[in-house]
Every structure is written in structure tokens, then in C-alpha cells.
């Protein structure tokens, strides 16, 4: 009883492939060539260096940052916040965004503060749509919008 399949030298019951049809079989344990190892190593180094550079720029210390010093509730759904600004160049103007939150933790008010050159401590009042319970600094930047380039002057 013949099924039309030939048996190979690798064992009975296994079909053999027609000679010359699929090319020669490569040994499965063949080591990569030397240039492939070097190419892979260079790729890993470039990828790792690029990831480190991007991580440093995005996660490293900011050139300007602020920390909340204190806050106090004011009448009429408002809160006063005082911040200390730290920057690498104190002669450059900056802008900080402060916000207030309500009892649920949702942001209920926000304000941009112009940070003049040389100033380190600033206070402002942020109005809220609901009763605020806390205030914090959202972030700071040296990119001062045009409408903030002239700081507000307190009147009388």
C-alpha cells in the first residue's frame, strides 16, 4: 500500500521535499555574521542614546518652575495664591499658570501670571466658578504671550 510519499532519511513517516525545488537547507544553529553583530550593536547604541537625549530634554529639570508658598480663600468664590519662582536666568521674563480647584478636585479657575525679570515671589487672586478649596501651580514658561508682555499695574 503506497501513499505516493517518499520517506526521508530523517525518519519514517516524514515526507521528503523534492530536490532542487526549495534550495538547500541552512543549518539552524548558524551564528550571525560579524558585520551583522556590529550593525546590531551600533543600532542599539544609537537607539539608546536617542532615548536618553529625549528623556533628558522632556523629564530633566525645567528652566523655570514655581512652587506654591501659600493660599487663602477670599470672598466671592476667589482664592489668593502666593508662589516662589525659580529660574535659570532671573533677567528673563516668564509666565506661570496657577489654578484653583473645588471640593471634587476639578479645576474651577485658572489665571496666567506675568513674572517680571528679577522677581521671585508673586501673589495673585484667582476667581472660581464654585467655592475653591485649594490652589496650585500648573506650570511656567519663558514663552510670554503678547497680551501679558506688559504686566498689570495695581491701581490705587
C-alpha atoms as a PDB file:
ATOM      1  CA  UNK A   1       0.000   0.000   0.000  1.00  0.00           C
ATOM      2  CA  UNK A   2       1.651   3.169  -1.218  1.00  0.00           C
ATOM      3  CA  UNK A   3       0.529   6.740  -0.478  1.00  0.00           C
ATOM      4  CA  UNK A   4       2.773   8.314  -3.061  1.00  0.00           C
ATOM      5  CA  UNK A   5       5.009   9.927  -0.486  1.00  0.00           C
ATOM      6  CA  UNK A   6       8.610   9.018  -0.125  1.00  0.00           C
ATOM      7  CA  UNK A   7      10.204   8.625   3.229  1.00  0.00           C
ATOM      8  CA  UNK A   8      13.254  10.640   4.036  1.00  0.00           C
ATOM      9  CA  UNK A   9      16.394   9.683   5.767  1.00  0.00           C
ATOM     10  CA  UNK A  10      15.316  11.691   8.798  1.00  0.00           C
ATOM     11  CA  UNK A  11      12.749   9.179   9.803  1.00  0.00           C
ATOM     12  CA  UNK A  12       9.862   7.062   8.664  1.00  0.00           C
ATOM     13  CA  UNK A  13       6.516   8.774   8.082  1.00  0.00           C
ATOM     14  CA  UNK A  14       8.005  12.153   7.228  1.00  0.00           C
ATOM     15  CA  UNK A  15       7.609  13.326   3.650  1.00  0.00           C
ATOM     16  CA  UNK A  16      10.726  14.368   1.799  1.00  0.00           C
ATOM     17  CA  UNK A  17      10.826  17.542  -0.250  1.00  0.00           C
ATOM     18  CA  UNK A  18      11.558  17.398  -3.970  1.00  0.00           C
ATOM     19  CA  UNK A  19      15.219  18.008  -4.664  1.00  0.00           C
ATOM     20  CA  UNK A  20      16.171  21.421  -6.093  1.00  0.00           C
ATOM     21  CA  UNK A  21      12.748  22.941  -5.560  1.00  0.00           C
ATOM     22  CA  UNK A  22      13.292  24.857  -2.282  1.00  0.00           C
ATOM     23  CA  UNK A  23      17.030  25.421  -2.279  1.00  0.00           C
ATOM     24  CA  UNK A  24      19.497  23.994   0.154  1.00  0.00           C
ATOM     25  CA  UNK A  25      18.638  23.776   3.807  1.00  0.00           C
ATOM     26  CA  UNK A  26      20.616  26.018   6.160  1.00  0.00           C
ATOM     27  CA  UNK A  27      21.787  24.756   9.480  1.00  0.00           C
ATOM     28  CA  UNK A  28      19.504  26.187  12.181  1.00  0.00           C
ATOM     29  CA  UNK A  29      22.328  26.957  14.596  1.00  0.00           C
ATOM     30  CA  UNK A  30      24.276  29.213  12.229  1.00  0.00           C
ATOM     31  CA  UNK A  31      25.824  32.182  14.010  1.00  0.00           C
ATOM     32  CA  UNK A  32      25.221  35.685  12.612  1.00  0.00           C
ATOM     33  CA  UNK A  33      27.968  37.176  10.537  1.00  0.00           C
ATOM     34  CA  UNK A  34      30.428  39.554  12.172  1.00  0.00           C
ATOM     35  CA  UNK A  35      29.110  42.643  10.347  1.00  0.00           C
ATOM     36  CA  UNK A  36      25.567  41.832  11.499  1.00  0.00           C
ATOM     37  CA  UNK A  37      26.709  41.842  15.104  1.00  0.00           C
ATOM     38  CA  UNK A  38      28.392  45.236  14.656  1.00  0.00           C
ATOM     39  CA  UNK A  39      25.369  46.685  12.862  1.00  0.00           C
ATOM     40  CA  UNK A  40      23.055  45.494  15.630  1.00  0.00           C
ATOM     41  CA  UNK A  41      25.384  46.952  18.298  1.00  0.00           C
ATOM     42  CA  UNK A  42      25.515  50.344  16.544  1.00  0.00           C
ATOM     43  CA  UNK A  43      21.713  50.337  16.208  1.00  0.00           C
ATOM     44  CA  UNK A  44      21.266  49.594  19.920  1.00  0.00           C
ATOM     45  CA  UNK A  45      23.699  52.367  20.884  1.00  0.00           C
ATOM     46  CA  UNK A  46      22.013  54.921  18.609  1.00  0.00           C
ATOM     47  CA  UNK A  47      18.557  53.969  19.837  1.00  0.00           C
ATOM     48  CA  UNK A  48      19.635  54.099  23.488  1.00  0.00           C
ATOM     49  CA  UNK A  49      21.397  57.435  23.016  1.00  0.00           C
ATOM     50  CA  UNK A  50      18.354  58.923  21.282  1.00  0.00           C
ATOM     51  CA  UNK A  51      16.030  57.700  24.040  1.00  0.00           C
ATOM     52  CA  UNK A  52      18.330  59.141  26.721  1.00  0.00           C
ATOM     53  CA  UNK A  53      18.509  62.518  24.937  1.00  0.00           C
ATOM     54  CA  UNK A  54      14.726  62.754  24.542  1.00  0.00           C
ATOM     55  CA  UNK A  55      14.202  61.673  28.140  1.00  0.00           C
ATOM     56  CA  UNK A  56      16.656  64.246  29.453  1.00  0.00           C
ATOM     57  CA  UNK A  57      15.020  67.070  27.480  1.00  0.00           C
ATOM     58  CA  UNK A  58      11.480  66.102  28.463  1.00  0.00           C
ATOM     59  CA  UNK A  59      11.951  64.892  32.018  1.00  0.00           C
ATOM     60  CA  UNK A  60      15.012  66.849  33.122  1.00  0.00           C
ATOM     61  CA  UNK A  61      14.784  69.948  35.262  1.00  0.00           C
ATOM     62  CA  UNK A  62      12.757  72.804  33.818  1.00  0.00           C
ATOM     63  CA  UNK A  63      14.478  76.139  33.163  1.00  0.00           C
ATOM     64  CA  UNK A  64      11.651  77.938  35.012  1.00  0.00           C
ATOM     65  CA  UNK A  65       9.370  76.487  37.658  1.00  0.00           C
ATOM     66  CA  UNK A  66       7.256  77.690  40.552  1.00  0.00           C
ATOM     67  CA  UNK A  67       6.241  76.339  43.920  1.00  0.00           C
ATOM     68  CA  UNK A  68       3.160  77.288  45.909  1.00  0.00           C
ATOM     69  CA  UNK A  69       4.064  79.044  49.139  1.00  0.00           C
ATOM     70  CA  UNK A  70       0.534  79.582  50.402  1.00  0.00           C
ATOM     71  CA  UNK A  71      -3.095  80.211  49.563  1.00  0.00           C
ATOM     72  CA  UNK A  72      -6.050  81.829  51.277  1.00  0.00           C
ATOM     73  CA  UNK A  73      -9.751  81.899  50.473  1.00  0.00           C
ATOM     74  CA  UNK A  74     -11.196  85.295  49.556  1.00  0.00           C
ATOM     75  CA  UNK A  75     -14.843  86.355  49.441  1.00  0.00           C
ATOM     76  CA  UNK A  76     -16.848  85.822  46.245  1.00  0.00           C
ATOM     77  CA  UNK A  77     -15.529  82.403  45.125  1.00  0.00           C
ATOM     78  CA  UNK A  78     -11.917  83.568  44.875  1.00  0.00           C
ATOM     79  CA  UNK A  79      -8.600  82.459  46.287  1.00  0.00           C
ATOM     80  CA  UNK A  80      -5.273  84.238  46.702  1.00  0.00           C
ATOM     81  CA  UNK A  81      -2.178  82.208  45.887  1.00  0.00           C
ATOM     82  CA  UNK A  82       1.454  83.082  46.582  1.00  0.00           C
ATOM     83  CA  UNK A  83       4.208  81.398  44.577  1.00  0.00           C
ATOM     84  CA  UNK A  84       8.003  81.349  44.533  1.00  0.00           C
ATOM     85  CA  UNK A  85       9.539  81.276  41.050  1.00  0.00           C
ATOM     86  CA  UNK A  86      12.912  79.623  40.421  1.00  0.00           C
ATOM     87  CA  UNK A  87      14.583  80.065  37.030  1.00  0.00           C
ATOM     88  CA  UNK A  88      17.959  79.628  35.441  1.00  0.00           C
ATOM     89  CA  UNK A  89      18.010  83.234  34.128  1.00  0.00           C
ATOM     90  CA  UNK A  90      16.426  85.696  36.540  1.00  0.00           C
ATOM     91  CA  UNK A  91      16.667  88.527  33.995  1.00  0.00           C
ATOM     92  CA  UNK A  92      14.248  86.871  31.553  1.00  0.00           C
ATOM     93  CA  UNK A  93      10.512  87.463  31.913  1.00  0.00           C
ATOM     94  CA  UNK A  94       8.257  84.466  32.243  1.00  0.00           C
ATOM     95  CA  UNK A  95       4.677  83.378  32.726  1.00  0.00           C
ATOM     96  CA  UNK A  96       3.162  80.963  35.244  1.00  0.00           C
ATOM     97  CA  UNK A  97      -0.289  79.419  35.205  1.00  0.00           C
ATOM     98  CA  UNK A  98      -1.998  78.994  38.555  1.00  0.00           C
ATOM     99  CA  UNK A  99      -5.331  77.307  39.167  1.00  0.00           C
ATOM    100  CA  UNK A 100      -7.881  76.687  41.875  1.00  0.00           C
ATOM    101  CA  UNK A 101      -9.863  73.516  42.491  1.00  0.00           C
ATOM    102  CA  UNK A 102     -13.241  72.854  44.027  1.00  0.00           C
ATOM    103  CA  UNK A 103     -14.196  70.228  46.604  1.00  0.00           C
ATOM    104  CA  UNK A 104     -14.422  67.478  43.941  1.00  0.00           C
ATOM    105  CA  UNK A 105     -10.865  68.189  42.765  1.00  0.00           C
ATOM    106  CA  UNK A 106     -11.984  69.658  39.444  1.00  0.00           C
ATOM    107  CA  UNK A 107     -10.279  72.793  38.175  1.00  0.00           C
ATOM    108  CA  UNK A 108     -12.673  75.679  38.779  1.00  0.00           C
ATOM    109  CA  UNK A 109     -10.481  78.653  37.897  1.00  0.00           C
ATOM    110  CA  UNK A 110      -7.204  79.466  36.179  1.00  0.00           C
ATOM    111  CA  UNK A 111      -5.026  82.520  35.666  1.00  0.00           C
ATOM    112  CA  UNK A 112      -1.787  83.368  33.888  1.00  0.00           C
ATOM    113  CA  UNK A 113       0.674  85.457  35.884  1.00  0.00           C
ATOM    114  CA  UNK A 114       3.355  87.593  34.261  1.00  0.00           C
ATOM    115  CA  UNK A 115       6.689  87.056  36.031  1.00  0.00           C
ATOM    116  CA  UNK A 116       8.818  90.189  35.575  1.00  0.00           C
ATOM    117  CA  UNK A 117      12.608  89.917  35.420  1.00  0.00           C
ATOM    118  CA  UNK A 118      14.190  89.762  38.864  1.00  0.00           C
ATOM    119  CA  UNK A 119      11.034  88.903  40.844  1.00  0.00           C
ATOM    120  CA  UNK A 120      10.922  85.655  42.791  1.00  0.00           C
ATOM    121  CA  UNK A 121       7.722  85.834  44.885  1.00  0.00           C
ATOM    122  CA  UNK A 122       4.330  86.746  43.426  1.00  0.00           C
ATOM    123  CA  UNK A 123       0.742  86.776  44.693  1.00  0.00           C
ATOM    124  CA  UNK A 124      -2.490  86.910  42.717  1.00  0.00           C
ATOM    125  CA  UNK A 125      -6.204  86.336  43.191  1.00  0.00           C
ATOM    126  CA  UNK A 126      -7.868  83.653  41.068  1.00  0.00           C
ATOM    127  CA  UNK A 127     -11.633  83.751  40.581  1.00  0.00           C
ATOM    128  CA  UNK A 128     -13.538  80.455  40.613  1.00  0.00           C
ATOM    129  CA  UNK A 129     -16.901  79.303  39.247  1.00  0.00           C
ATOM    130  CA  UNK A 130     -17.563  77.420  42.508  1.00  0.00           C
ATOM    131  CA  UNK A 131     -16.158  77.656  46.015  1.00  0.00           C
ATOM    132  CA  UNK A 132     -12.417  76.887  45.776  1.00  0.00           C
ATOM    133  CA  UNK A 133     -10.723  74.691  48.364  1.00  0.00           C
ATOM    134  CA  UNK A 134      -7.130  74.642  47.112  1.00  0.00           C
ATOM    135  CA  UNK A 135      -4.773  76.389  44.703  1.00  0.00           C
ATOM    136  CA  UNK A 136      -1.684  75.148  42.891  1.00  0.00           C
ATOM    137  CA  UNK A 137       0.774  75.949  40.126  1.00  0.00           C
ATOM    138  CA  UNK A 138       0.001  74.326  36.779  1.00  0.00           C
ATOM    139  CA  UNK A 139       3.293  75.265  35.109  1.00  0.00           C
ATOM    140  CA  UNK A 140       5.661  78.024  33.973  1.00  0.00           C
ATOM    141  CA  UNK A 141       7.363  79.044  30.738  1.00  0.00           C
ATOM    142  CA  UNK A 142       9.617  81.677  29.221  1.00  0.00           C
ATOM    143  CA  UNK A 143       7.179  81.966  26.271  1.00  0.00           C
ATOM    144  CA  UNK A 144       5.283  85.051  27.393  1.00  0.00           C
ATOM    145  CA  UNK A 145       2.149  85.766  25.328  1.00  0.00           C
ATOM    146  CA  UNK A 146       1.903  89.230  23.772  1.00  0.00           C
ATOM    147  CA  UNK A 147      -1.132  90.170  25.864  1.00  0.00           C
ATOM    148  CA  UNK A 148       0.929  89.550  29.032  1.00  0.00           C
ATOM    149  CA  UNK A 149       4.131  91.256  27.922  1.00  0.00           C
ATOM    150  CA  UNK A 150       3.118  94.384  29.824  1.00  0.00           C
ATOM    151  CA  UNK A 151       2.421  93.462  33.442  1.00  0.00           C
ATOM    152  CA  UNK A 152      -0.712  94.646  35.226  1.00  0.00           C
ATOM    153  CA  UNK A 153      -0.129  97.613  37.460  1.00  0.00           C
ATOM    154  CA  UNK A 154      -2.141  97.757  40.667  1.00  0.00           C
ATOM    155  CA  UNK A 155      -4.466 100.739  40.812  1.00  0.00           C
ATOM    156  CA  UNK A 156      -4.804 102.877  43.938  1.00  0.00           C
END
